[in-house]
Amino acid sequence: MPLERFAASWREEYVERAARTDGHGDPSHCVFCVLAKDEVSIDTGVLVSSERVFACLNAYPYGSGHLLVLPKRHVGDLEDMDDDESRDLFALVRSLNGALRRAYDPDGMNIGMNIGRAAGAGIPQHVHAHLLPRWSGDTNFMATIGDVRVLPESLTSTWEKVFRAL
């Protein structure tokens, strides 16, 4: 059976830019550390925030409803998180899973983490979880022949849907 490949070459520029500007462990240059200080707002894309963790829209979504859940503290690996951060992060992942199901009624959900650049993390210095609603047949020919991804809604619309569902 031949190996099927999924290409997301449209992310190359973003990943390369993130690699140059991620601060190499310096929280003052980390986009996620900046977002961690922002208010819950449609303007910032931050959906929910607590003492230790927060969730925001993915600025470069793979699909509708793509969210990120992060510790507020600048840590690059799960083992660097303390027990309270770990509990709060997973509790928020669970809560957002429900909110995304209510907001989008997907057929399934991708939930995962890419720890480190070699694992695919675009910003490896600040650990984060991805939540991505999925539908049967939600991939189409545009990514294959057009090297482009079609998103049927704006980030503003995503924020409004998920915020209402929270």
Foldseek 3Di string as FASTA:
>chain_A
DDDDDADLVVCVVVLVVCVVQCCVQDLVRHPLLVLLPDDCDLVSQWQDHDPFKTKGADPDDPEFLKMKIFTNDFAQDPVPDDPVNVVVRVVVVVVLVQLCCVLPVAPDKDKAWQRDVVSPDSNRRTTMIIIDGHHVPPDDCCCVPVVDHDYPDDSSVSSVSSNVSD
